[in-house]
Amino acid sequence: MSFLLTEELKTTAVELQDLIQAKVGVRKFSTTYNQIRQSVLEVRRGRKVAKVLQMTTNPGAAAKRKIQRNVIKKGSRKRKERGFL
């Protein structure tokens, strides 16, 4: 079920992208699309740098977050083993 929705969403996204590209032109679409992608990558890099800085400046908080993340993953695995998604 989830796979079908994902495929439908991808198809719709590609159709929308094609429509926008036809409306504004290939060159304008490409430059704007690449600007958006670059800004997203910069935000991700910024988060990664902030995470590394926090690990070095405040290792206690970083360890606490890591433990919490592992607890969540453990609960997720238990749910999957029992058959509950």
Protein backbone atom coordinates (compact mmCIF):
# COMPACT_ATOMS: atom_id res chain seq x y z
CA MET A 1 0.00 0.00 0.00
CA SER A 2 2.73 2.44 1.01
CA PHE A 3 4.72 1.58 -2.11
CA LEU A 4 1.76 2.44 -4.35
CA LEU A 5 1.29 5.80 -2.65
CA THR A 6 5.00 6.56 -3.00
CA GLU A 7 4.96 5.73 -6.69
CA GLU A 8 1.84 7.83 -7.22
CA LEU A 9 3.44 10.74 -5.39
CA LYS A 10 6.60 10.46 -7.51
CA THR A 11 4.56 10.41 -10.70
CA THR A 12 2.56 13.45 -9.63
CA ALA A 13 5.74 15.31 -8.66
CA VAL A 14 7.35 14.63 -12.04
CA GLU A 15 4.20 15.78 -13.85
CA LEU A 16 4.11 18.97 -11.79
CA GLN A 17 7.80 19.59 -12.43
CA ASP A 18 7.24 19.19 -16.16
CA LEU A 19 4.29 21.60 -16.09
CA ILE A 20 6.27 24.25 -14.22
CA GLN A 21 9.24 23.79 -16.53
CA ALA A 22 6.99 24.24 -19.57
CA LYS A 23 5.48 27.41 -18.08
CA VAL A 24 8.66 29.22 -17.00
CA GLY A 25 11.19 27.77 -19.43
CA VAL A 26 14.00 25.27 -19.04
CA ARG A 27 16.78 27.74 -18.23
CA LYS A 28 14.85 29.65 -15.55
CA PHE A 29 13.55 26.42 -14.03
CA SER A 30 17.01 24.86 -13.90
CA THR A 31 18.68 27.86 -12.27
CA THR A 32 15.93 28.23 -9.66
CA TYR A 33 15.86 24.49 -8.96
CA ASN A 34 19.63 24.41 -8.46
CA GLN A 35 19.50 27.45 -6.15
CA ILE A 36 16.91 25.70 -4.00
CA ARG A 37 18.96 22.50 -3.91
CA GLN A 38 22.09 24.43 -2.90
CA SER A 39 20.27 26.23 -0.09
CA VAL A 40 18.93 22.92 1.22
CA LEU A 41 22.43 21.44 1.15
CA GLU A 42 23.80 24.45 3.04
CA VAL A 43 21.16 24.07 5.74
CA ARG A 44 22.03 20.38 6.10
CA ARG A 45 25.75 21.19 6.30
CA GLY A 46 25.02 23.80 8.95
CA ARG A 47 23.10 21.27 11.04
CA LYS A 48 25.92 18.76 10.70
CA VAL A 49 28.52 21.32 11.80
CA ALA A 50 26.35 22.37 14.75
CA LYS A 51 25.98 18.73 15.78
CA VAL A 52 29.75 18.15 15.65
CA LEU A 53 30.40 21.35 17.61
CA GLN A 54 27.91 20.33 20.26
CA MET A 55 29.58 16.93 20.58
CA THR A 56 32.93 18.59 21.24
CA THR A 57 31.73 21.44 23.46
CA ASN A 58 29.06 19.55 25.40
CA PRO A 59 29.69 15.80 25.29
CA GLY A 60 27.18 15.13 28.08
CA ALA A 61 24.25 16.51 26.08
CA ALA A 62 25.44 14.69 22.97
CA ALA A 63 25.64 11.40 24.89
CA LYS A 64 22.16 11.97 26.32
CA ARG A 65 20.75 12.56 22.82
CA LYS A 66 22.50 9.46 21.51
CA ILE A 67 21.06 7.32 24.32
CA GLN A 68 17.57 8.69 23.68
CA ARG A 69 17.89 7.94 19.97
CA ASN A 70 18.90 4.34 20.75
CA VAL A 71 15.90 3.93 23.09
CA ILE A 72 13.60 5.07 20.28
CA LYS A 73 15.23 2.67 17.82
CA LYS A 74 14.88 -0.20 20.30
CA GLY A 75 11.17 0.51 20.73
CA SER A 76 10.74 0.64 16.97
CA ARG A 77 12.42 -2.74 16.57
CA LYS A 78 10.20 -4.26 19.28
CA ARG A 79 7.09 -2.95 17.55
CA LYS A 80 8.21 -4.39 14.23
CA GLU A 81 8.98 -7.78 15.80
CA ARG A 82 5.47 -7.95 17.24
CA GLY A 83 3.97 -7.12 13.89
CA PHE A 84 2.76 -3.63 14.76
CA LEU A 85 3.91 -0.97 12.36
